[in-house]
Amino acid sequence: MFGLTEEQIADFGLTFGIGAFILFMLFIIGEIAWKSKAGKLGTFVLFFVLAFGMLGFIAKAIIQKMWGI
């Protein structure tokens, strides 16, 4: 489709689709912190704990770019 291979389409979808999903999840975490009136420390804890798994995905992308995988 459009001169792209299945692998290129999957890579694009994984990179930008998951990236958009991560941004949406960060918005949801911020909304939870705001509605619960968590305060500064509570908001930090929410973002740190709930967004910690996202760092693995971002780190994986950075490592792949650095190593040329």
PDB file of N, CA and C in Angstrom:
ATOM      1  N   MET A   1       0.841  -1.174   0.000  1.00  0.00           N
ATOM      2  CA  MET A   1       0.000   0.000   0.000  1.00  0.00           C
ATOM      3  C   MET A   1       0.892   1.244   0.000  1.00  0.00           C
ATOM      4  N   PHE A   2       0.656   2.144  -0.916  1.00  0.00           N
ATOM      5  CA  PHE A   2       1.399   3.399  -1.038  1.00  0.00           C
ATOM      6  C   PHE A   2       2.901   3.171  -1.163  1.00  0.00           C
ATOM      7  N   GLY A   3       3.311   2.028  -1.676  1.00  0.00           N
ATOM      8  CA  GLY A   3       4.728   1.735  -1.862  1.00  0.00           C
ATOM      9  C   GLY A   3       5.457   1.378  -0.578  1.00  0.00           C
ATOM     10  N   LEU A   4       4.735   1.050   0.475  1.00  0.00           N
ATOM     11  CA  LEU A   4       5.358   0.692   1.749  1.00  0.00           C
ATOM     12  C   LEU A   4       5.177  -0.798   2.003  1.00  0.00           C
ATOM     13  N   THR A   5       6.157  -1.377   2.659  1.00  0.00           N
ATOM     14  CA  THR A   5       6.048  -2.782   3.024  1.00  0.00           C
ATOM     15  C   THR A   5       5.245  -2.918   4.318  1.00  0.00           C
ATOM     16  N   GLU A   6       4.846  -4.124   4.605  1.00  0.00           N
ATOM     17  CA  GLU A   6       4.098  -4.383   5.838  1.00  0.00           C
ATOM     18  C   GLU A   6       4.934  -4.029   7.067  1.00  0.00           C
ATOM     19  N   GLU A   7       6.221  -4.299   7.003  1.00  0.00           N
ATOM     20  CA  GLU A   7       7.109  -3.995   8.125  1.00  0.00           C
ATOM     21  C   GLU A   7       7.188  -2.490   8.375  1.00  0.00           C
ATOM     22  N   GLN A   8       7.257  -1.695   7.299  1.00  0.00           N
ATOM     23  CA  GLN A   8       7.323  -0.241   7.453  1.00  0.00           C
ATOM     24  C   GLN A   8       6.024   0.314   8.030  1.00  0.00           C
ATOM     25  N   ILE A   9       4.898  -0.218   7.605  1.00  0.00           N
ATOM     26  CA  ILE A   9       3.606   0.231   8.130  1.00  0.00           C
ATOM     27  C   ILE A   9       3.483  -0.134   9.610  1.00  0.00           C
ATOM     28  N   ALA A  10       3.908  -1.341   9.968  1.00  0.00           N
ATOM     29  CA  ALA A  10       3.849  -1.768  11.374  1.00  0.00           C
ATOM     30  C   ALA A  10       4.765  -0.916  12.242  1.00  0.00           C
ATOM     31  N   ASP A  11       5.964  -0.596  11.738  1.00  0.00           N
ATOM     32  CA  ASP A  11       6.905   0.233  12.491  1.00  0.00           C
ATOM     33  C   ASP A  11       6.343   1.632  12.692  1.00  0.00           C
ATOM     34  N   PHE A  12       5.740   2.189  11.657  1.00  0.00           N
ATOM     35  CA  PHE A  12       5.127   3.516  11.757  1.00  0.00           C
ATOM     36  C   PHE A  12       3.988   3.497  12.782  1.00  0.00           C
ATOM     37  N   GLY A  13       3.124   2.494  12.682  1.00  0.00           N
ATOM     38  CA  GLY A  13       2.008   2.394  13.609  1.00  0.00           C
ATOM     39  C   GLY A  13       2.454   2.208  15.040  1.00  0.00           C
ATOM     40  N   LEU A  14       3.485   1.394  15.233  1.00  0.00           N
ATOM     41  CA  LEU A  14       3.992   1.164  16.588  1.00  0.00           C
ATOM     42  C   LEU A  14       4.592   2.436  17.159  1.00  0.00           C
ATOM     43  N   THR A  15       5.397   3.122  16.358  1.00  0.00           N
ATOM     44  CA  THR A  15       6.080   4.319  16.849  1.00  0.00           C
ATOM     45  C   THR A  15       5.099   5.449  17.128  1.00  0.00           C
ATOM     46  N   PHE A  16       4.297   5.812  16.149  1.00  0.00           N
ATOM     47  CA  PHE A  16       3.423   6.973  16.307  1.00  0.00           C
ATOM     48  C   PHE A  16       2.102   6.626  16.991  1.00  0.00           C
ATOM     49  N   GLY A  17       1.593   5.432  16.769  1.00  0.00           N
ATOM     50  CA  GLY A  17       0.354   5.023  17.431  1.00  0.00           C
ATOM     51  C   GLY A  17       0.531   4.890  18.924  1.00  0.00           C
ATOM     52  N   ILE A  18       1.574   4.198  19.332  1.00  0.00           N
ATOM     53  CA  ILE A  18       1.845   4.048  20.767  1.00  0.00           C
ATOM     54  C   ILE A  18       2.255   5.389  21.371  1.00  0.00           C
ATOM     55  N   GLY A  19       2.995   6.195  20.609  1.00  0.00           N
ATOM     56  CA  GLY A  19       3.370   7.533  21.086  1.00  0.00           C
ATOM     57  C   GLY A  19       2.149   8.398  21.370  1.00  0.00           C
ATOM     58  N   ALA A  20       1.174   8.356  20.465  1.00  0.00           N
ATOM     59  CA  ALA A  20      -0.062   9.112  20.669  1.00  0.00           C
ATOM     60  C   ALA A  20      -0.830   8.553  21.871  1.00  0.00           C
ATOM     61  N   PHE A  21      -0.827   7.248  22.023  1.00  0.00           N
ATOM     62  CA  PHE A  21      -1.497   6.623  23.158  1.00  0.00           C
ATOM     63  C   PHE A  21      -0.828   7.030  24.475  1.00  0.00           C
ATOM     64  N   ILE A  22       0.496   7.126  24.487  1.00  0.00           N
ATOM     65  CA  ILE A  22       1.219   7.560  25.684  1.00  0.00           C
ATOM     66  C   ILE A  22       0.830   8.984  26.048  1.00  0.00           C
ATOM     67  N   LEU A  23       0.768   9.872  25.052  1.00  0.00           N
ATOM     68  CA  LEU A  23       0.362  11.256  25.329  1.00  0.00           C
ATOM     69  C   LEU A  23      -1.058  11.310  25.892  1.00  0.00           C
ATOM     70  N   PHE A  24      -1.948  10.485  25.343  1.00  0.00           N
ATOM     71  CA  PHE A  24      -3.314  10.435  25.852  1.00  0.00           C
ATOM     72  C   PHE A  24      -3.337   9.932  27.296  1.00  0.00           C
ATOM     73  N   MET A  25      -2.518   8.935  27.602  1.00  0.00           N
ATOM     74  CA  MET A  25      -2.467   8.413  28.968  1.00  0.00           C
ATOM     75  C   MET A  25      -1.918   9.466  29.938  1.00  0.00           C
ATOM     76  N   LEU A  26      -0.946  10.268  29.500  1.00  0.00           N
ATOM     77  CA  LEU A  26      -0.432  11.347  30.346  1.00  0.00           C
ATOM     78  C   LEU A  26      -1.526  12.372  30.624  1.00  0.00           C
ATOM     79  N   PHE A  27      -2.342  12.650  29.613  1.00  0.00           N
ATOM     80  CA  PHE A  27      -3.486  13.544  29.818  1.00  0.00           C
ATOM     81  C   PHE A  27      -4.447  12.963  30.857  1.00  0.00           C
ATOM     82  N   ILE A  28      -4.709  11.681  30.775  1.00  0.00           N
ATOM     83  CA  ILE A  28      -5.612  11.029  31.731  1.00  0.00           C
ATOM     84  C   ILE A  28      -5.035  11.088  33.143  1.00  0.00           C
ATOM     85  N   ILE A  29      -3.728  10.857  33.279  1.00  0.00           N
ATOM     86  CA  ILE A  29      -3.096  10.926  34.603  1.00  0.00           C
ATOM     87  C   ILE A  29      -3.217  12.338  35.169  1.00  0.00           C
ATOM     88  N   GLY A  30      -2.996  13.345  34.327  1.00  0.00           N
ATOM     89  CA  GLY A  30      -3.152  14.727  34.770  1.00  0.00           C
ATOM     90  C   GLY A  30      -4.581  15.037  35.183  1.00  0.00           C
ATOM     91  N   GLU A  31      -5.532  14.510  34.444  1.00  0.00           N
ATOM     92  CA  GLU A  31      -6.950  14.702  34.777  1.00  0.00           C
ATOM     93  C   GLU A  31      -7.287  14.050  36.122  1.00  0.00           C
ATOM     94  N   ILE A  32      -6.759  12.864  36.356  1.00  0.00           N
ATOM     95  CA  ILE A  32      -6.981  12.186  37.639  1.00  0.00           C
ATOM     96  C   ILE A  32      -6.406  13.012  38.786  1.00  0.00           C
ATOM     97  N   ALA A  33      -5.186  13.531  38.592  1.00  0.00           N
ATOM     98  CA  ALA A  33      -4.553  14.333  39.641  1.00  0.00           C
ATOM     99  C   ALA A  33      -5.348  15.606  39.905  1.00  0.00           C
ATOM    100  N   TRP A  34      -5.852  16.224  38.845  1.00  0.00           N
ATOM    101  CA  TRP A  34      -6.597  17.468  39.007  1.00  0.00           C
ATOM    102  C   TRP A  34      -7.932  17.235  39.699  1.00  0.00           C
ATOM    103  N   LYS A  35      -8.666  16.210  39.274  1.00  0.00           N
ATOM    104  CA  LYS A  35      -9.988  15.952  39.851  1.00  0.00           C
ATOM    105  C   LYS A  35      -9.911  15.458  41.294  1.00  0.00           C
ATOM    106  N   SER A  36      -8.825  14.791  41.641  1.00  0.00           N
ATOM    107  CA  SER A  36      -8.700  14.303  43.009  1.00  0.00           C
ATOM    108  C   SER A  36      -8.048  15.332  43.929  1.00  0.00           C
ATOM    109  N   LYS A  37      -7.653  16.479  43.368  1.00  0.00           N
ATOM    110  CA  LYS A  37      -6.983  17.542  44.134  1.00  0.00           C
ATOM    111  C   LYS A  37      -5.793  16.965  44.896  1.00  0.00           C
ATOM    112  N   ALA A  38      -4.922  16.278  44.147  1.00  0.00           N
ATOM    113  CA  ALA A  38      -3.826  15.531  44.746  1.00  0.00           C
ATOM    114  C   ALA A  38      -2.721  16.412  45.313  1.00  0.00           C
ATOM    115  N   GLY A  39      -2.599  17.641  44.889  1.00  0.00           N
ATOM    116  CA  GLY A  39      -1.512  18.486  45.355  1.00  0.00           C
ATOM    117  C   GLY A  39      -0.240  18.200  44.572  1.00  0.00           C
ATOM    118  N   LYS A  40       0.823  18.889  44.920  1.00  0.00           N
ATOM    119  CA  LYS A  40       2.074  18.754  44.163  1.00  0.00           C
ATOM    120  C   LYS A  40       2.704  17.372  44.349  1.00  0.00           C
ATOM    121  N   LEU A  41       2.809  16.935  45.585  1.00  0.00           N
ATOM    122  CA  LEU A  41       3.434  15.639  45.849  1.00  0.00           C
ATOM    123  C   LEU A  41       2.585  14.499  45.286  1.00  0.00           C
ATOM    124  N   GLY A  42       1.294  14.575  45.473  1.00  0.00           N
ATOM    125  CA  GLY A  42       0.410  13.539  44.951  1.00  0.00           C
ATOM    126  C   GLY A  42       0.438  13.468  43.439  1.00  0.00           C
ATOM    127  N   THR A  43       0.487  14.621  42.778  1.00  0.00           N
ATOM    128  CA  THR A  43       0.576  14.657  41.321  1.00  0.00           C
ATOM    129  C   THR A  43       1.891  14.059  40.859  1.00  0.00           C
ATOM    130  N   PHE A  44       2.975  14.395  41.559  1.00  0.00           N
ATOM    131  CA  PHE A  44       4.277  13.825  41.206  1.00  0.00           C
ATOM    132  C   PHE A  44       4.256  12.309  41.345  1.00  0.00           C
ATOM    133  N   VAL A  45       3.690  11.820  42.431  1.00  0.00           N
ATOM    134  CA  VAL A  45       3.628  10.374  42.657  1.00  0.00           C
ATOM    135  C   VAL A  45       2.783   9.703  41.579  1.00  0.00           C
ATOM    136  N   LEU A  46       1.650  10.300  41.239  1.00  0.00           N
ATOM    137  CA  LEU A  46       0.802   9.732  40.188  1.00  0.00           C
ATOM    138  C   LEU A  46       1.557   9.647  38.865  1.00  0.00           C
ATOM    139  N   PHE A  47       2.189  10.738  38.467  1.00  0.00           N
ATOM    140  CA  PHE A  47       2.916  10.731  37.204  1.00  0.00           C
ATOM    141  C   PHE A  47       4.090   9.762  37.248  1.00  0.00           C
ATOM    142  N   PHE A  48       4.817   9.733  38.358  1.00  0.00           N
ATOM    143  CA  PHE A  48       5.981   8.855  38.454  1.00  0.00           C
ATOM    144  C   PHE A  48       5.579   7.394  38.383  1.00  0.00           C
ATOM    145  N   VAL A  49       4.610   7.007  39.180  1.00  0.00           N
ATOM    146  CA  VAL A  49       4.225   5.598  39.254  1.00  0.00           C
ATOM    147  C   VAL A  49       3.498   5.145  37.992  1.00  0.00           C
ATOM    148  N   LEU A  50       2.516   5.916  37.548  1.00  0.00           N
ATOM    149  CA  LEU A  50       1.715   5.486  36.418  1.00  0.00           C
ATOM    150  C   LEU A  50       2.428   5.651  35.078  1.00  0.00           C
ATOM    151  N   ALA A  51       3.357   6.581  34.993  1.00  0.00           N
ATOM    152  CA  ALA A  51       4.066   6.810  33.735  1.00  0.00           C
ATOM    153  C   ALA A  51       5.404   6.082  33.689  1.00  0.00           C
ATOM    154  N   PHE A  52       5.763   5.379  34.744  1.00  0.00           N
ATOM    155  CA  PHE A  52       7.073   4.718  34.792  1.00  0.00           C
ATOM    156  C   PHE A  52       7.212   3.657  33.699  1.00  0.00           C
ATOM    157  N   GLY A  53       6.152   2.930  33.408  1.00  0.00           N
ATOM    158  CA  GLY A  53       6.196   1.914  32.359  1.00  0.00           C
ATOM    159  C   GLY A  53       6.403   2.494  30.982  1.00  0.00           C
ATOM    160  N   MET A  54       5.960   3.722  30.774  1.00  0.00           N
ATOM    161  CA  MET A  54       6.146   4.373  29.484  1.00  0.00           C
ATOM    162  C   MET A  54       7.613   4.676  29.213  1.00  0.00           C
ATOM    163  N   LEU A  55       8.375   4.880  30.275  1.00  0.00           N
ATOM    164  CA  LEU A  55       9.797   5.164  30.102  1.00  0.00           C
ATOM    165  C   LEU A  55      10.522   3.997  29.445  1.00  0.00           C
ATOM    166  N   GLY A  56      10.084   2.787  29.709  1.00  0.00           N
ATOM    167  CA  GLY A  56      10.687   1.614  29.084  1.00  0.00           C
ATOM    168  C   GLY A  56      10.503   1.626  27.582  1.00  0.00           C
ATOM    169  N   PHE A  57       9.316   1.995  27.123  1.00  0.00           N
ATOM    170  CA  PHE A  57       9.056   2.071  25.684  1.00  0.00           C
ATOM    171  C   PHE A  57       9.903   3.162  25.041  1.00  0.00           C
ATOM    172  N   ILE A  58      10.007   4.310  25.706  1.00  0.00           N
ATOM    173  CA  ILE A  58      10.806   5.412  25.169  1.00  0.00           C
ATOM    174  C   ILE A  58      12.281   5.043  25.166  1.00  0.00           C
ATOM    175  N   ALA A  59      12.753   4.394  26.239  1.00  0.00           N
ATOM    176  CA  ALA A  59      14.147   3.976  26.312  1.00  0.00           C
ATOM    177  C   ALA A  59      14.463   2.955  25.222  1.00  0.00           C
ATOM    178  N   LYS A  60      13.529   2.056  24.950  1.00  0.00           N
ATOM    179  CA  LYS A  60      13.720   1.061  23.901  1.00  0.00           C
ATOM    180  C   LYS A  60      13.909   1.731  22.551  1.00  0.00           C
ATOM    181  N   ALA A  61      13.100   2.737  22.255  1.00  0.00           N
ATOM    182  CA  ALA A  61      13.215   3.454  20.983  1.00  0.00           C
ATOM    183  C   ALA A  61      14.556   4.176  20.878  1.00  0.00           C
ATOM    184  N   ILE A  62      15.001   4.786  21.978  1.00  0.00           N
ATOM    185  CA  ILE A  62      16.285   5.498  21.969  1.00  0.00           C
ATOM    186  C   ILE A  62      17.436   4.526  21.775  1.00  0.00           C
ATOM    187  N   ILE A  63      17.399   3.398  22.476  1.00  0.00           N
ATOM    188  CA  ILE A  63      18.466   2.392  22.347  1.00  0.00           C
ATOM    189  C   ILE A  63      18.500   1.832  20.936  1.00  0.00           C
ATOM    190  N   GLN A  64      17.345   1.596  20.336  1.00  0.00           N
ATOM    191  CA  GLN A  64      17.317   1.085  18.964  1.00  0.00           C
ATOM    192  C   GLN A  64      17.932   2.088  17.998  1.00  0.00           C
ATOM    193  N   LYS A  65      17.676   3.370  18.177  1.00  0.00           N
ATOM    194  CA  LYS A  65      18.261   4.396  17.302  1.00  0.00           C
ATOM    195  C   LYS A  65      19.766   4.479  17.497  1.00  0.00           C
ATOM    196  N   MET A  66      20.219   4.397  18.759  1.00  0.00           N
ATOM    197  CA  MET A  66      21.653   4.512  19.036  1.00  0.00           C
ATOM    198  C   MET A  66      22.424   3.319  18.480  1.00  0.00           C
ATOM    199  N   TRP A  67      21.880   2.119  18.599  1.00  0.00           N
ATOM    200  CA  TRP A  67      22.566   0.925  18.161  1.00  0.00           C
ATOM    201  C   TRP A  67      22.291   0.590  16.692  1.00  0.00           C
ATOM    202  N   GLY A  68      21.343   1.321  16.088  1.00  0.00           N
ATOM    203  CA  GLY A  68      21.020   1.076  14.686  1.00  0.00           C
ATOM    204  C   GLY A  68      20.289  -0.234  14.441  1.00  0.00           C
ATOM    205  N   ILE A  69      19.487  -0.625  15.384  1.00  0.00           N
ATOM    206  CA  ILE A  69      18.729  -1.891  15.251  1.00  0.00           C
ATOM    207  C   ILE A  69      17.470  -1.625  14.464  1.00  0.00           C
TER     208      ILE A  69
END
